[in-house]
Amino acid sequence: MFTVYIQMMKNRIYRLTSGRYVTVREVMDATGLSKPGAYKRLAHNRDDDAVFTKAGVNRGKPSSIGMEWKSKPVQVAMGIPINPEYLDGQIKGESSFDRDGNRLSYAERTALARYRREQRKAWRDSTNNIKNRSNYGW
């Protein structure tokens, strides 16, 4: 019985969105994927471009390395800031949130930390009365 199941899996034909019929072996030969990789790709996606993308190509989200933090404008009512910038990155429990209460992803948290570090450095470099500055000019 087990060998019959394996034989059925070997000969399985998948129909893609274009109407083309392919087998796991064809996907393996075209992409360079292993057998489990080809099975998984066909199980999760039937789009021709996604199925026949070469092995090792990032088909997911674009990389967020070097993402820049874009600060939203602050809303002010009668001179009082409603959603000030310092509320970004609040920690509640084990998660970090922006000023509107939306959870920040890891990429957003690191971009916010980098943004604040750059803002702090610019502030410290712009004034002469800050102690422990890195550029005393000595």
N, C-alpha and C. Protein backbone atom coordinates (compact mmCIF):
# COMPACT_ATOMS: atom_id res chain seq x y z
N MET A 1 0.82 -1.19 0.00
CA MET A 1 0.00 0.00 0.00
C MET A 1 0.86 1.25 0.00
N PHE A 2 1.92 1.28 0.80
CA PHE A 2 2.80 2.44 0.86
C PHE A 2 3.47 2.69 -0.50
N THR A 3 3.89 1.63 -1.19
CA THR A 3 4.52 1.81 -2.50
C THR A 3 3.52 2.33 -3.52
N VAL A 4 2.27 1.97 -3.40
CA VAL A 4 1.25 2.48 -4.32
C VAL A 4 1.08 3.98 -4.11
N TYR A 5 1.10 4.43 -2.85
CA TYR A 5 0.97 5.86 -2.54
C TYR A 5 2.15 6.64 -3.12
N ILE A 6 3.35 6.10 -2.96
CA ILE A 6 4.55 6.77 -3.51
C ILE A 6 4.46 6.82 -5.03
N GLN A 7 4.02 5.74 -5.64
CA GLN A 7 3.89 5.71 -7.09
C GLN A 7 2.87 6.76 -7.57
N MET A 8 1.78 6.94 -6.82
CA MET A 8 0.78 7.94 -7.18
C MET A 8 1.37 9.35 -7.07
N MET A 9 2.19 9.61 -6.05
CA MET A 9 2.78 10.93 -5.88
C MET A 9 3.79 11.23 -6.99
N LYS A 10 4.50 10.20 -7.46
CA LYS A 10 5.49 10.41 -8.51
C LYS A 10 4.82 10.83 -9.82
N ASN A 11 3.67 10.28 -10.10
CA ASN A 11 3.01 10.51 -11.38
C ASN A 11 1.96 11.61 -11.32
N ARG A 12 1.87 12.32 -10.23
CA ARG A 12 0.84 13.34 -10.11
C ARG A 12 1.10 14.48 -11.09
N ILE A 13 0.04 14.94 -11.73
CA ILE A 13 0.14 16.03 -12.69
C ILE A 13 -0.60 17.22 -12.10
N TYR A 14 0.05 18.38 -12.14
CA TYR A 14 -0.51 19.61 -11.59
C TYR A 14 -0.93 20.53 -12.73
N ARG A 15 -2.08 21.15 -12.59
CA ARG A 15 -2.56 22.11 -13.59
C ARG A 15 -2.26 23.52 -13.11
N LEU A 16 -1.54 24.29 -13.92
CA LEU A 16 -1.18 25.66 -13.57
C LEU A 16 -2.26 26.62 -14.04
N THR A 17 -2.16 27.89 -13.64
CA THR A 17 -3.20 28.87 -13.97
C THR A 17 -3.31 29.12 -15.46
N SER A 18 -2.24 28.90 -16.21
CA SER A 18 -2.27 29.11 -17.66
C SER A 18 -2.94 27.95 -18.38
N GLY A 19 -3.23 26.86 -17.66
CA GLY A 19 -3.82 25.68 -18.27
C GLY A 19 -2.79 24.61 -18.60
N ARG A 20 -1.53 24.90 -18.38
CA ARG A 20 -0.45 23.97 -18.65
C ARG A 20 -0.40 22.90 -17.56
N TYR A 21 -0.11 21.67 -17.95
CA TYR A 21 0.01 20.57 -17.00
C TYR A 21 1.50 20.25 -16.82
N VAL A 22 1.94 20.14 -15.56
CA VAL A 22 3.33 19.84 -15.27
C VAL A 22 3.43 18.77 -14.19
N THR A 23 4.59 18.14 -14.14
CA THR A 23 4.87 17.18 -13.07
C THR A 23 5.96 17.76 -12.18
N VAL A 24 6.18 17.12 -11.07
CA VAL A 24 7.21 17.56 -10.14
C VAL A 24 8.58 17.47 -10.80
N ARG A 25 8.81 16.45 -11.58
CA ARG A 25 10.10 16.28 -12.26
C ARG A 25 10.38 17.45 -13.20
N GLU A 26 9.37 17.94 -13.93
CA GLU A 26 9.56 19.07 -14.83
C GLU A 26 9.93 20.34 -14.07
N VAL A 27 9.29 20.54 -12.92
CA VAL A 27 9.61 21.71 -12.09
C VAL A 27 11.02 21.59 -11.54
N MET A 28 11.40 20.39 -11.12
CA MET A 28 12.76 20.17 -10.61
C MET A 28 13.80 20.48 -11.68
N ASP A 29 13.58 20.00 -12.91
CA ASP A 29 14.54 20.21 -13.99
C ASP A 29 14.63 21.68 -14.39
N ALA A 30 13.50 22.38 -14.38
CA ALA A 30 13.49 23.77 -14.83
C ALA A 30 14.04 24.74 -13.79
N THR A 31 13.88 24.42 -12.50
CA THR A 31 14.24 25.37 -11.46
C THR A 31 15.49 25.01 -10.67
N GLY A 32 15.85 23.75 -10.66
CA GLY A 32 16.98 23.32 -9.85
C GLY A 32 16.58 23.02 -8.41
N LEU A 33 15.30 22.93 -8.15
CA LEU A 33 14.83 22.63 -6.79
C LEU A 33 14.97 21.14 -6.49
N SER A 34 14.99 20.82 -5.21
CA SER A 34 14.95 19.42 -4.79
C SER A 34 13.52 18.92 -4.93
N LYS A 35 13.35 17.63 -4.77
CA LYS A 35 12.01 17.05 -4.90
C LYS A 35 11.03 17.62 -3.85
N PRO A 36 11.43 17.68 -2.55
CA PRO A 36 10.51 18.28 -1.57
C PRO A 36 10.22 19.76 -1.87
N GLY A 37 11.23 20.47 -2.39
CA GLY A 37 11.03 21.87 -2.74
C GLY A 37 10.04 22.04 -3.87
N ALA A 38 10.15 21.19 -4.88
CA ALA A 38 9.22 21.26 -6.01
C ALA A 38 7.80 20.89 -5.57
N TYR A 39 7.66 19.86 -4.72
CA TYR A 39 6.34 19.49 -4.20
C TYR A 39 5.73 20.67 -3.43
N LYS A 40 6.53 21.28 -2.58
CA LYS A 40 6.01 22.38 -1.77
C LYS A 40 5.62 23.57 -2.63
N ARG A 41 6.44 23.89 -3.63
CA ARG A 41 6.12 25.01 -4.49
C ARG A 41 4.81 24.76 -5.25
N LEU A 42 4.62 23.55 -5.74
CA LEU A 42 3.38 23.24 -6.45
C LEU A 42 2.18 23.17 -5.51
N ALA A 43 2.42 22.78 -4.27
CA ALA A 43 1.32 22.71 -3.31
C ALA A 43 0.83 24.10 -2.91
N HIS A 44 1.74 25.09 -2.88
CA HIS A 44 1.39 26.42 -2.40
C HIS A 44 1.02 27.40 -3.51
N ASN A 45 1.43 27.13 -4.74
CA ASN A 45 1.23 28.10 -5.79
C ASN A 45 1.06 27.40 -7.13
N ARG A 46 0.16 27.90 -7.94
CA ARG A 46 -0.05 27.34 -9.27
C ARG A 46 0.20 28.37 -10.37
N ASP A 47 0.76 29.51 -10.02
CA ASP A 47 1.08 30.53 -11.01
C ASP A 47 2.35 30.13 -11.74
N ASP A 48 2.34 30.26 -13.08
CA ASP A 48 3.49 29.81 -13.89
C ASP A 48 4.78 30.51 -13.49
N ASP A 49 4.73 31.83 -13.34
CA ASP A 49 5.95 32.57 -13.01
C ASP A 49 6.50 32.17 -11.65
N ALA A 50 5.62 31.99 -10.67
CA ALA A 50 6.08 31.61 -9.34
C ALA A 50 6.60 30.18 -9.31
N VAL A 51 5.96 29.29 -10.01
CA VAL A 51 6.37 27.88 -10.00
C VAL A 51 7.72 27.70 -10.69
N PHE A 52 7.95 28.41 -11.78
CA PHE A 52 9.17 28.21 -12.56
C PHE A 52 10.27 29.23 -12.27
N THR A 53 10.18 29.93 -11.14
CA THR A 53 11.26 30.81 -10.71
C THR A 53 12.43 29.95 -10.27
N LYS A 54 13.63 30.35 -10.66
CA LYS A 54 14.83 29.58 -10.32
C LYS A 54 14.99 29.46 -8.81
N ALA A 55 15.62 28.40 -8.37
CA ALA A 55 15.86 28.18 -6.95
C ALA A 55 16.77 29.27 -6.40
N GLY A 56 16.47 29.77 -5.21
CA GLY A 56 17.30 30.76 -4.56
C GLY A 56 16.87 32.19 -4.81
N VAL A 57 15.90 32.41 -5.69
CA VAL A 57 15.41 33.76 -5.97
C VAL A 57 14.37 34.11 -4.92
N ASN A 58 14.49 35.30 -4.32
CA ASN A 58 13.54 35.72 -3.29
C ASN A 58 12.22 36.08 -3.94
N ARG A 59 11.20 35.26 -3.72
CA ARG A 59 9.88 35.51 -4.29
C ARG A 59 8.95 36.16 -3.28
N GLY A 60 9.42 36.38 -2.06
CA GLY A 60 8.56 36.91 -1.00
C GLY A 60 8.57 38.42 -0.96
N LYS A 61 8.52 38.95 0.23
CA LYS A 61 8.52 40.39 0.42
C LYS A 61 9.86 40.99 0.02
N PRO A 62 9.85 42.21 -0.44
CA PRO A 62 11.14 42.85 -0.71
C PRO A 62 11.92 43.04 0.59
N SER A 63 13.22 43.07 0.48
CA SER A 63 14.06 43.20 1.66
C SER A 63 13.83 44.54 2.35
N SER A 64 13.82 44.54 3.66
CA SER A 64 13.61 45.78 4.41
C SER A 64 14.91 46.27 5.03
N ILE A 65 16.04 45.75 4.57
CA ILE A 65 17.32 46.20 5.07
C ILE A 65 17.56 47.62 4.58
N GLY A 66 17.91 48.51 5.47
CA GLY A 66 18.13 49.89 5.10
C GLY A 66 16.84 50.69 4.97
N MET A 67 15.75 50.15 5.49
CA MET A 67 14.47 50.86 5.44
C MET A 67 14.59 52.16 6.22
N GLU A 68 14.01 53.23 5.67
CA GLU A 68 14.05 54.52 6.34
C GLU A 68 12.74 54.78 7.05
N TRP A 69 12.83 55.34 8.24
CA TRP A 69 11.64 55.69 9.00
C TRP A 69 11.08 57.00 8.45
N LYS A 70 9.80 57.00 8.14
CA LYS A 70 9.14 58.21 7.66
C LYS A 70 8.18 58.66 8.75
N SER A 71 8.51 59.75 9.39
CA SER A 71 7.69 60.27 10.47
C SER A 71 6.45 60.95 9.91
N LYS A 72 5.30 60.62 10.46
CA LYS A 72 4.05 61.24 10.03
C LYS A 72 3.95 62.64 10.63
N PRO A 73 3.25 63.54 9.95
CA PRO A 73 3.09 64.88 10.54
C PRO A 73 2.24 64.83 11.81
N VAL A 74 2.57 65.69 12.74
CA VAL A 74 1.88 65.73 14.03
C VAL A 74 0.60 66.55 13.88
N GLN A 75 -0.49 66.05 14.42
CA GLN A 75 -1.76 66.80 14.42
C GLN A 75 -1.79 67.67 15.66
N VAL A 76 -2.13 68.94 15.46
CA VAL A 76 -2.17 69.90 16.57
C VAL A 76 -3.56 70.50 16.66
N ALA A 77 -4.10 70.53 17.89
CA ALA A 77 -5.40 71.15 18.14
C ALA A 77 -5.24 72.18 19.25
N MET A 78 -5.49 73.44 18.94
CA MET A 78 -5.37 74.55 19.89
C MET A 78 -3.99 74.59 20.54
N GLY A 79 -2.96 74.30 19.77
CA GLY A 79 -1.60 74.36 20.27
C GLY A 79 -1.13 73.12 21.00
N ILE A 80 -1.98 72.11 21.09
CA ILE A 80 -1.63 70.88 21.81
C ILE A 80 -1.43 69.76 20.79
N PRO A 81 -0.26 69.10 20.78
CA PRO A 81 -0.06 67.99 19.84
C PRO A 81 -0.94 66.80 20.22
N ILE A 82 -1.70 66.31 19.24
CA ILE A 82 -2.61 65.18 19.49
C ILE A 82 -1.86 63.85 19.42
N ASN A 83 -1.01 63.72 18.42
CA ASN A 83 -0.25 62.48 18.25
C ASN A 83 1.23 62.81 18.07
N PRO A 84 1.93 63.18 19.15
CA PRO A 84 3.33 63.60 19.00
C PRO A 84 4.24 62.45 18.58
N GLU A 85 5.35 62.84 18.00
CA GLU A 85 6.29 61.87 17.44
C GLU A 85 6.91 60.97 18.50
N TYR A 86 7.04 61.47 19.72
CA TYR A 86 7.69 60.64 20.75
C TYR A 86 6.84 59.44 21.16
N LEU A 87 5.59 59.37 20.70
CA LEU A 87 4.75 58.21 21.01
C LEU A 87 5.06 57.01 20.12
N ASP A 88 5.81 57.24 19.03
CA ASP A 88 6.21 56.11 18.18
C ASP A 88 7.17 55.22 18.94
N GLY A 89 6.98 53.93 18.86
CA GLY A 89 7.87 52.98 19.51
C GLY A 89 7.52 52.67 20.94
N GLN A 90 6.30 53.00 21.37
CA GLN A 90 5.88 52.65 22.74
C GLN A 90 5.88 51.15 22.91
N ILE A 91 6.33 50.71 24.05
CA ILE A 91 6.36 49.27 24.34
C ILE A 91 5.23 48.94 25.30
N LYS A 92 4.38 48.02 24.87
CA LYS A 92 3.29 47.53 25.72
C LYS A 92 3.41 46.02 25.74
N GLY A 93 3.73 45.48 26.89
CA GLY A 93 3.95 44.03 26.97
C GLY A 93 5.24 43.67 26.27
N GLU A 94 5.15 42.78 25.29
CA GLU A 94 6.33 42.37 24.54
C GLU A 94 6.36 42.94 23.13
N SER A 95 5.45 43.88 22.81
CA SER A 95 5.36 44.43 21.47
C SER A 95 5.61 45.93 21.48
N SER A 96 5.98 46.44 20.34
CA SER A 96 6.22 47.87 20.17
C SER A 96 5.18 48.42 19.20
N PHE A 97 4.65 49.61 19.51
CA PHE A 97 3.55 50.18 18.73
C PHE A 97 3.89 51.58 18.26
N ASP A 98 3.26 52.01 17.16
CA ASP A 98 3.43 53.39 16.72
C ASP A 98 2.40 54.26 17.45
N ARG A 99 2.37 55.55 17.11
CA ARG A 99 1.50 56.48 17.84
C ARG A 99 0.02 56.25 17.61
N ASP A 100 -0.33 55.51 16.55
CA ASP A 100 -1.74 55.20 16.28
C ASP A 100 -2.17 53.87 16.86
N GLY A 101 -1.26 53.16 17.53
CA GLY A 101 -1.59 51.89 18.16
C GLY A 101 -1.35 50.69 17.27
N ASN A 102 -0.72 50.87 16.10
CA ASN A 102 -0.42 49.75 15.20
C ASN A 102 0.91 49.12 15.61
N ARG A 103 0.94 47.79 15.57
CA ARG A 103 2.15 47.07 15.96
C ARG A 103 3.26 47.30 14.94
N LEU A 104 4.48 47.55 15.42
CA LEU A 104 5.62 47.77 14.54
C LEU A 104 6.32 46.45 14.25
N SER A 105 6.70 46.24 13.00
CA SER A 105 7.47 45.06 12.64
C SER A 105 8.92 45.26 13.07
N TYR A 106 9.72 44.22 12.96
CA TYR A 106 11.13 44.33 13.33
C TYR A 106 11.84 45.38 12.47
N ALA A 107 11.55 45.38 11.17
CA ALA A 107 12.18 46.35 10.27
C ALA A 107 11.79 47.77 10.65
N GLU A 108 10.54 47.99 11.01
CA GLU A 108 10.10 49.33 11.41
C GLU A 108 10.74 49.76 12.73
N ARG A 109 10.88 48.82 13.68
CA ARG A 109 11.51 49.16 14.97
C ARG A 109 12.97 49.55 14.77
N THR A 110 13.69 48.80 13.94
CA THR A 110 15.10 49.13 13.72
C THR A 110 15.24 50.44 12.94
N ALA A 111 14.34 50.68 11.99
CA ALA A 111 14.38 51.95 11.25
C ALA A 111 14.10 53.12 12.18
N LEU A 112 13.16 52.96 13.11
CA LEU A 112 12.86 54.01 14.08
C LEU A 112 14.06 54.28 14.99
N ALA A 113 14.71 53.23 15.45
CA ALA A 113 15.89 53.40 16.31
C ALA A 113 17.01 54.12 15.56
N ARG A 114 17.22 53.75 14.29
CA ARG A 114 18.25 54.41 13.48
C ARG A 114 17.89 55.88 13.25
N TYR A 115 16.61 56.18 12.99
CA TYR A 115 16.13 57.55 12.79
C TYR A 115 16.36 58.39 14.04
N ARG A 116 16.03 57.85 15.20
CA ARG A 116 16.21 58.59 16.45
C ARG A 116 17.68 58.81 16.78
N ARG A 117 18.52 57.81 16.47
CA ARG A 117 19.95 57.95 16.70
C ARG A 117 20.52 59.07 15.82
N GLU A 118 20.09 59.14 14.57
CA GLU A 118 20.56 60.20 13.68
C GLU A 118 20.06 61.57 14.13
N GLN A 119 18.79 61.65 14.57
CA GLN A 119 18.24 62.91 15.05
C GLN A 119 18.99 63.40 16.29
N ARG A 120 19.30 62.47 17.20
CA ARG A 120 20.01 62.83 18.43
C ARG A 120 21.41 63.33 18.11
N LYS A 121 22.09 62.65 17.19
CA LYS A 121 23.44 63.07 16.81
C LYS A 121 23.40 64.45 16.17
N ALA A 122 22.43 64.72 15.32
CA ALA A 122 22.33 66.05 14.69
C ALA A 122 22.06 67.12 15.75
N TRP A 123 21.22 66.81 16.74
CA TRP A 123 20.92 67.76 17.81
C TRP A 123 22.16 68.04 18.65
N ARG A 124 22.91 66.98 19.01
CA ARG A 124 24.09 67.16 19.84
C ARG A 124 25.18 67.92 19.10
N ASP A 125 25.29 67.69 17.79
CA ASP A 125 26.32 68.38 17.01
C ASP A 125 25.95 69.84 16.74
N SER A 126 24.69 70.20 16.85
CA SER A 126 24.27 71.56 16.51
C SER A 126 24.41 72.54 17.68
N THR A 127 24.66 72.08 18.87
CA THR A 127 24.77 72.97 20.02
C THR A 127 26.15 72.85 20.66
N ASN A 128 26.60 73.93 21.28
CA ASN A 128 27.93 73.93 21.89
C ASN A 128 27.91 73.63 23.38
N ASN A 129 26.76 73.55 24.00
CA ASN A 129 26.72 73.36 25.45
C ASN A 129 26.42 71.92 25.87
N ILE A 130 26.59 70.95 25.01
CA ILE A 130 26.39 69.54 25.34
C ILE A 130 27.73 68.95 25.75
N LYS A 131 27.79 68.33 26.93
CA LYS A 131 29.01 67.69 27.39
C LYS A 131 29.15 66.32 26.72
N ASN A 132 30.36 65.79 26.76
CA ASN A 132 30.68 64.48 26.22
C ASN A 132 30.40 64.38 24.72
N ARG A 133 30.62 65.45 24.00
CA ARG A 133 30.42 65.43 22.56
C ARG A 133 31.58 64.68 21.91
N SER A 134 31.32 64.10 20.77
CA SER A 134 32.34 63.33 20.10
C SER A 134 33.30 64.20 19.29
N ASN A 135 32.89 65.43 18.97
CA ASN A 135 33.76 66.27 18.14
C ASN A 135 34.13 67.55 18.89
N TYR A 136 35.03 67.43 19.88
CA TYR A 136 35.51 68.60 20.62
C TYR A 136 36.44 69.46 19.77
N GLY A 137 37.02 68.88 18.75
CA GLY A 137 37.95 69.61 17.91
C GLY A 137 39.36 69.66 18.47
N TRP A 138 39.68 68.80 19.42
CA TRP A 138 41.03 68.78 19.98
C TRP A 138 41.93 67.94 19.14
